[in-house]
């Protein structure tokens, strides 16, 4: 089933409105942190959003993917820039793939010796 990121971000935005009412101090602090983190500095906003998208992909966060992709579209990111980020985001999975083959080799050796 295809995910609808517009629906995902709308739903999350509604839930965040509820949280802003219920825990306003916490949500104001989070908002201030997010604004400070995305403010232009040594890195421009688009670069920061590309980094955030990579983190969202690596952590499998649908909301992060939706919100950061939306920001990137608004900031004029190209498809190629997003595709390069996607290429970089596979790194954590590759590291775990290396661990998986190591686990296989260890267990194969243990179980073969035990048999």
N, C-alpha and C. Protein backbone atom coordinates (compact mmCIF):
# COMPACT_ATOMS: atom_id res chain seq x y z
N UNK A 1 0.84 -1.18 0.00
CA UNK A 1 0.00 0.00 0.00
C UNK A 1 0.89 1.25 0.00
N UNK A 2 0.56 2.18 -0.86
CA UNK A 2 1.33 3.42 -0.96
C UNK A 2 0.95 4.37 0.17
N UNK A 3 1.96 4.96 0.77
CA UNK A 3 1.73 5.92 1.85
C UNK A 3 1.39 7.27 1.24
N UNK A 4 0.49 8.00 1.89
CA UNK A 4 0.13 9.34 1.45
C UNK A 4 0.75 10.32 2.45
N UNK A 5 1.87 10.91 2.06
CA UNK A 5 2.61 11.76 3.00
C UNK A 5 1.88 13.06 3.31
N UNK A 6 1.03 13.51 2.41
CA UNK A 6 0.21 14.68 2.70
C UNK A 6 -0.73 14.37 3.86
N UNK A 7 -1.37 13.20 3.81
CA UNK A 7 -2.26 12.79 4.89
C UNK A 7 -1.50 12.56 6.20
N UNK A 8 -0.33 11.96 6.08
CA UNK A 8 0.49 11.69 7.27
C UNK A 8 0.86 12.99 7.97
N UNK A 9 1.33 13.98 7.21
CA UNK A 9 1.75 15.25 7.83
C UNK A 9 0.55 16.02 8.37
N UNK A 10 -0.61 15.93 7.69
CA UNK A 10 -1.82 16.60 8.21
C UNK A 10 -2.25 15.98 9.53
N UNK A 11 -2.24 14.64 9.58
CA UNK A 11 -2.63 13.97 10.82
C UNK A 11 -1.69 14.33 11.97
N UNK A 12 -0.41 14.29 11.70
CA UNK A 12 0.57 14.62 12.74
C UNK A 12 0.43 16.07 13.17
N UNK A 13 0.22 16.95 12.21
CA UNK A 13 0.04 18.38 12.56
C UNK A 13 -1.15 18.56 13.50
N UNK A 14 -2.24 17.84 13.25
CA UNK A 14 -3.40 17.91 14.15
C UNK A 14 -3.06 17.40 15.54
N UNK A 15 -2.33 16.30 15.59
CA UNK A 15 -1.92 15.76 16.89
C UNK A 15 -0.97 16.70 17.61
N UNK A 16 -0.10 17.37 16.85
CA UNK A 16 0.82 18.33 17.47
C UNK A 16 0.07 19.54 18.02
N UNK A 17 -1.02 19.95 17.35
CA UNK A 17 -1.85 21.05 17.89
C UNK A 17 -2.39 20.67 19.25
N UNK A 18 -2.84 19.43 19.39
CA UNK A 18 -3.35 18.95 20.69
C UNK A 18 -2.24 19.01 21.74
N UNK A 19 -1.04 18.57 21.36
CA UNK A 19 0.07 18.60 22.32
C UNK A 19 0.43 20.03 22.71
N UNK A 20 0.35 20.96 21.75
CA UNK A 20 0.65 22.36 22.08
C UNK A 20 -0.33 22.90 23.12
N UNK A 21 -1.56 22.39 23.10
CA UNK A 21 -2.55 22.79 24.11
C UNK A 21 -2.29 22.10 25.44
N UNK A 22 -1.96 20.83 25.37
CA UNK A 22 -1.81 20.03 26.59
C UNK A 22 -0.49 20.25 27.32
N UNK A 23 0.60 20.40 26.57
CA UNK A 23 1.92 20.60 27.19
C UNK A 23 2.63 21.78 26.49
N UNK A 24 2.08 22.98 26.70
CA UNK A 24 2.58 24.15 25.95
C UNK A 24 4.05 24.47 26.21
N UNK A 25 4.51 24.35 27.43
CA UNK A 25 5.91 24.68 27.71
C UNK A 25 6.87 23.75 26.97
N UNK A 26 6.57 22.46 27.01
CA UNK A 26 7.41 21.48 26.32
C UNK A 26 7.41 21.74 24.81
N UNK A 27 6.24 21.99 24.26
CA UNK A 27 6.14 22.20 22.81
C UNK A 27 6.79 23.51 22.38
N UNK A 28 6.71 24.54 23.22
CA UNK A 28 7.42 25.80 22.90
C UNK A 28 8.93 25.57 22.90
N UNK A 29 9.41 24.79 23.84
CA UNK A 29 10.84 24.50 23.91
C UNK A 29 11.28 23.70 22.68
N UNK A 30 10.48 22.71 22.29
CA UNK A 30 10.81 21.94 21.10
C UNK A 30 10.82 22.83 19.86
N UNK A 31 9.85 23.70 19.76
CA UNK A 31 9.77 24.62 18.61
C UNK A 31 10.99 25.53 18.57
N UNK A 32 11.39 26.05 19.71
CA UNK A 32 12.58 26.91 19.77
C UNK A 32 13.83 26.14 19.35
N UNK A 33 13.95 24.90 19.79
CA UNK A 33 15.08 24.06 19.42
C UNK A 33 15.09 23.82 17.90
N UNK A 34 13.94 23.48 17.35
CA UNK A 34 13.83 23.22 15.91
C UNK A 34 14.18 24.47 15.10
N UNK A 35 13.69 25.63 15.54
CA UNK A 35 14.00 26.88 14.84
C UNK A 35 15.49 27.19 14.91
N UNK A 36 16.10 26.99 16.04
CA UNK A 36 17.53 27.24 16.18
C UNK A 36 18.34 26.28 15.32
N UNK A 37 17.93 25.02 15.29
CA UNK A 37 18.66 24.01 14.53
C UNK A 37 18.59 24.25 13.03
N UNK A 38 17.47 24.80 12.55
CA UNK A 38 17.30 24.99 11.10
C UNK A 38 17.70 26.38 10.64
N UNK A 39 18.07 27.24 11.56
CA UNK A 39 18.48 28.61 11.20
C UNK A 39 19.75 28.57 10.36
N UNK A 40 19.84 29.45 9.38
CA UNK A 40 21.04 29.56 8.53
C UNK A 40 22.26 29.78 9.41
N UNK A 41 23.32 29.08 9.11
CA UNK A 41 24.57 29.22 9.83
C UNK A 41 25.69 28.79 8.90
N UNK A 42 26.58 27.97 9.39
CA UNK A 42 27.63 27.42 8.52
C UNK A 42 27.01 26.58 7.41
N UNK A 43 25.84 25.97 7.71
CA UNK A 43 25.08 25.22 6.71
C UNK A 43 23.81 25.99 6.38
N UNK A 44 23.42 25.98 5.11
CA UNK A 44 22.18 26.65 4.75
C UNK A 44 20.99 25.74 5.11
N UNK A 45 19.78 26.31 5.06
CA UNK A 45 18.58 25.57 5.46
C UNK A 45 18.37 24.33 4.62
N UNK A 46 18.60 24.43 3.31
CA UNK A 46 18.38 23.27 2.46
C UNK A 46 19.30 22.12 2.84
N UNK A 47 20.55 22.41 3.11
CA UNK A 47 21.49 21.37 3.52
C UNK A 47 21.03 20.73 4.82
N UNK A 48 20.59 21.54 5.76
CA UNK A 48 20.10 21.01 7.03
C UNK A 48 18.87 20.13 6.83
N UNK A 49 17.98 20.53 5.93
CA UNK A 49 16.80 19.72 5.65
C UNK A 49 17.18 18.42 4.95
N UNK A 50 18.18 18.46 4.08
CA UNK A 50 18.66 17.23 3.44
C UNK A 50 19.21 16.26 4.49
N UNK A 51 19.95 16.79 5.46
CA UNK A 51 20.47 15.96 6.55
C UNK A 51 19.31 15.37 7.35
N UNK A 52 18.32 16.21 7.66
CA UNK A 52 17.17 15.75 8.43
C UNK A 52 16.40 14.66 7.67
N UNK A 53 16.30 14.81 6.35
CA UNK A 53 15.64 13.77 5.55
C UNK A 53 16.40 12.46 5.64
N UNK A 54 17.72 12.52 5.54
CA UNK A 54 18.54 11.30 5.65
C UNK A 54 18.32 10.63 7.00
N UNK A 55 18.26 11.41 8.05
CA UNK A 55 18.01 10.85 9.39
C UNK A 55 16.62 10.23 9.45
N UNK A 56 15.63 10.91 8.87
CA UNK A 56 14.28 10.38 8.85
C UNK A 56 14.19 9.06 8.11
N UNK A 57 14.91 8.96 6.99
CA UNK A 57 14.94 7.71 6.23
C UNK A 57 15.60 6.62 7.06
N UNK A 58 16.75 6.92 7.64
CA UNK A 58 17.50 5.92 8.40
C UNK A 58 16.72 5.43 9.61
N UNK A 59 15.90 6.30 10.20
CA UNK A 59 15.14 5.91 11.39
C UNK A 59 13.72 5.44 11.05
N UNK A 60 13.41 5.44 9.75
CA UNK A 60 12.10 4.99 9.26
C UNK A 60 10.95 5.79 9.86
N UNK A 61 11.13 7.10 9.92
CA UNK A 61 10.13 8.00 10.50
C UNK A 61 9.30 8.63 9.37
N UNK A 62 8.08 8.13 9.18
CA UNK A 62 7.22 8.65 8.11
C UNK A 62 6.96 10.14 8.24
N UNK A 63 6.71 10.59 9.45
CA UNK A 63 6.45 12.01 9.66
C UNK A 63 7.67 12.86 9.30
N UNK A 64 8.84 12.39 9.72
CA UNK A 64 10.08 13.11 9.39
C UNK A 64 10.26 13.19 7.88
N UNK A 65 10.04 12.06 7.20
CA UNK A 65 10.18 12.04 5.74
C UNK A 65 9.20 13.03 5.13
N UNK A 66 7.97 13.02 5.59
CA UNK A 66 6.96 13.93 5.04
C UNK A 66 7.28 15.40 5.26
N UNK A 67 7.55 15.76 6.51
CA UNK A 67 7.80 17.17 6.83
C UNK A 67 9.07 17.70 6.18
N UNK A 68 10.15 16.91 6.21
CA UNK A 68 11.42 17.39 5.65
C UNK A 68 11.39 17.41 4.12
N UNK A 69 10.67 16.47 3.52
CA UNK A 69 10.52 16.51 2.07
C UNK A 69 9.70 17.73 1.66
N UNK A 70 8.65 18.01 2.40
CA UNK A 70 7.84 19.20 2.11
C UNK A 70 8.70 20.46 2.20
N UNK A 71 9.52 20.55 3.24
CA UNK A 71 10.40 21.71 3.38
C UNK A 71 11.38 21.80 2.22
N UNK A 72 11.90 20.65 1.80
CA UNK A 72 12.86 20.64 0.69
C UNK A 72 12.23 21.08 -0.62
N UNK A 73 11.00 20.66 -0.87
CA UNK A 73 10.30 21.12 -2.07
C UNK A 73 10.15 22.64 -2.02
N UNK A 74 9.74 23.16 -0.87
CA UNK A 74 9.57 24.61 -0.71
C UNK A 74 10.90 25.36 -0.85
N UNK A 75 12.00 24.72 -0.46
CA UNK A 75 13.32 25.35 -0.55
C UNK A 75 13.97 25.18 -1.93
N UNK A 76 13.26 24.49 -2.83
CA UNK A 76 13.78 24.35 -4.19
C UNK A 76 14.77 23.22 -4.40
N UNK A 77 14.75 22.24 -3.53
CA UNK A 77 15.65 21.09 -3.72
C UNK A 77 15.29 20.37 -5.01
N UNK A 78 16.29 19.82 -5.64
CA UNK A 78 16.05 19.07 -6.87
C UNK A 78 15.85 17.59 -6.55
N UNK A 79 15.28 16.89 -7.49
CA UNK A 79 15.12 15.44 -7.35
C UNK A 79 16.48 14.77 -7.18
N UNK A 80 17.48 15.23 -7.94
CA UNK A 80 18.81 14.64 -7.84
C UNK A 80 19.41 14.83 -6.45
N UNK A 81 19.22 15.99 -5.85
CA UNK A 81 19.72 16.22 -4.48
C UNK A 81 19.06 15.23 -3.51
N UNK A 82 17.75 15.06 -3.65
CA UNK A 82 17.04 14.13 -2.76
C UNK A 82 17.50 12.70 -3.01
N UNK A 83 17.70 12.34 -4.27
CA UNK A 83 18.17 10.99 -4.58
C UNK A 83 19.56 10.73 -4.01
N UNK A 84 20.43 11.73 -4.03
CA UNK A 84 21.75 11.56 -3.44
C UNK A 84 21.66 11.37 -1.93
N UNK A 85 20.74 12.07 -1.30
CA UNK A 85 20.51 11.89 0.14
C UNK A 85 20.03 10.47 0.40
N UNK A 86 19.12 9.99 -0.44
CA UNK A 86 18.62 8.62 -0.29
C UNK A 86 19.79 7.63 -0.39
N UNK A 87 20.70 7.89 -1.33
CA UNK A 87 21.87 7.03 -1.46
C UNK A 87 22.72 7.01 -0.20
N UNK A 88 22.85 8.15 0.44
CA UNK A 88 23.64 8.22 1.68
C UNK A 88 22.91 7.59 2.86
N UNK A 89 21.59 7.65 2.84
CA UNK A 89 20.80 7.15 3.97
C UNK A 89 20.84 5.63 4.09
N UNK A 90 21.29 4.95 3.06
CA UNK A 90 21.35 3.48 3.14
C UNK A 90 22.52 3.02 3.98
N UNK A 91 23.42 3.90 4.33
CA UNK A 91 24.62 3.53 5.09
C UNK A 91 24.30 2.77 6.38
N UNK A 92 23.38 3.25 7.23
CA UNK A 92 23.10 2.48 8.45
C UNK A 92 22.62 1.06 8.16
N UNK A 93 21.81 0.90 7.13
CA UNK A 93 21.35 -0.45 6.78
C UNK A 93 22.51 -1.32 6.32
N UNK A 94 23.42 -0.73 5.58
CA UNK A 94 24.57 -1.49 5.10
C UNK A 94 25.44 -1.95 6.28
N UNK A 95 25.59 -1.10 7.29
CA UNK A 95 26.38 -1.48 8.46
C UNK A 95 25.73 -2.67 9.17
N UNK A 96 24.41 -2.65 9.27
CA UNK A 96 23.71 -3.78 9.88
C UNK A 96 23.75 -5.01 9.00
N UNK A 97 23.79 -4.80 7.68
CA UNK A 97 23.94 -5.94 6.77
C UNK A 97 25.29 -6.62 7.02
N UNK A 98 26.32 -5.82 7.24
CA UNK A 98 27.64 -6.39 7.56
C UNK A 98 27.59 -7.17 8.86
N UNK A 99 26.87 -6.63 9.86
CA UNK A 99 26.71 -7.37 11.12
C UNK A 99 25.96 -8.67 10.90
N UNK A 100 24.95 -8.64 10.03
CA UNK A 100 24.15 -9.84 9.78
C UNK A 100 25.00 -10.95 9.17
N UNK A 101 25.88 -10.62 8.24
CA UNK A 101 26.72 -11.66 7.65
C UNK A 101 27.73 -12.18 8.67
N UNK A 102 28.19 -11.30 9.54
CA UNK A 102 29.09 -11.73 10.61
C UNK A 102 28.37 -12.69 11.55
N UNK A 103 27.11 -12.37 11.89
CA UNK A 103 26.32 -13.25 12.75
C UNK A 103 26.13 -14.61 12.09
N UNK A 104 25.84 -14.59 10.79
CA UNK A 104 25.68 -15.85 10.06
C UNK A 104 26.95 -16.69 10.13
N UNK A 105 28.08 -16.06 9.87
CA UNK A 105 29.35 -16.79 9.88
C UNK A 105 29.65 -17.36 11.26
N UNK A 106 29.43 -16.57 12.30
CA UNK A 106 29.68 -17.05 13.66
C UNK A 106 28.79 -18.24 14.01
N UNK A 107 27.49 -18.08 13.73
CA UNK A 107 26.54 -19.13 14.09
C UNK A 107 26.70 -20.37 13.23
N UNK A 108 27.04 -20.17 11.97
CA UNK A 108 27.28 -21.30 11.09
C UNK A 108 28.46 -22.12 11.62
N UNK A 109 29.52 -21.41 12.04
CA UNK A 109 30.70 -22.09 12.58
C UNK A 109 30.34 -22.82 13.88
N UNK A 110 29.60 -22.16 14.78
CA UNK A 110 29.21 -22.77 16.05
C UNK A 110 28.34 -24.01 15.83
N UNK A 111 27.36 -23.89 14.99
CA UNK A 111 26.40 -24.98 14.80
C UNK A 111 27.02 -26.13 14.01
N UNK A 112 27.96 -25.84 13.13
CA UNK A 112 28.63 -26.89 12.37
C UNK A 112 29.55 -27.68 13.28
N UNK A 113 30.26 -26.99 14.17
CA UNK A 113 31.16 -27.65 15.12
C UNK A 113 30.34 -28.48 16.10
N UNK A 114 29.19 -27.99 16.55
CA UNK A 114 28.37 -28.68 17.53
C UNK A 114 27.69 -29.92 16.93
N UNK A 115 27.50 -29.94 15.64
CA UNK A 115 26.78 -31.06 15.01
C UNK A 115 27.60 -32.28 14.85
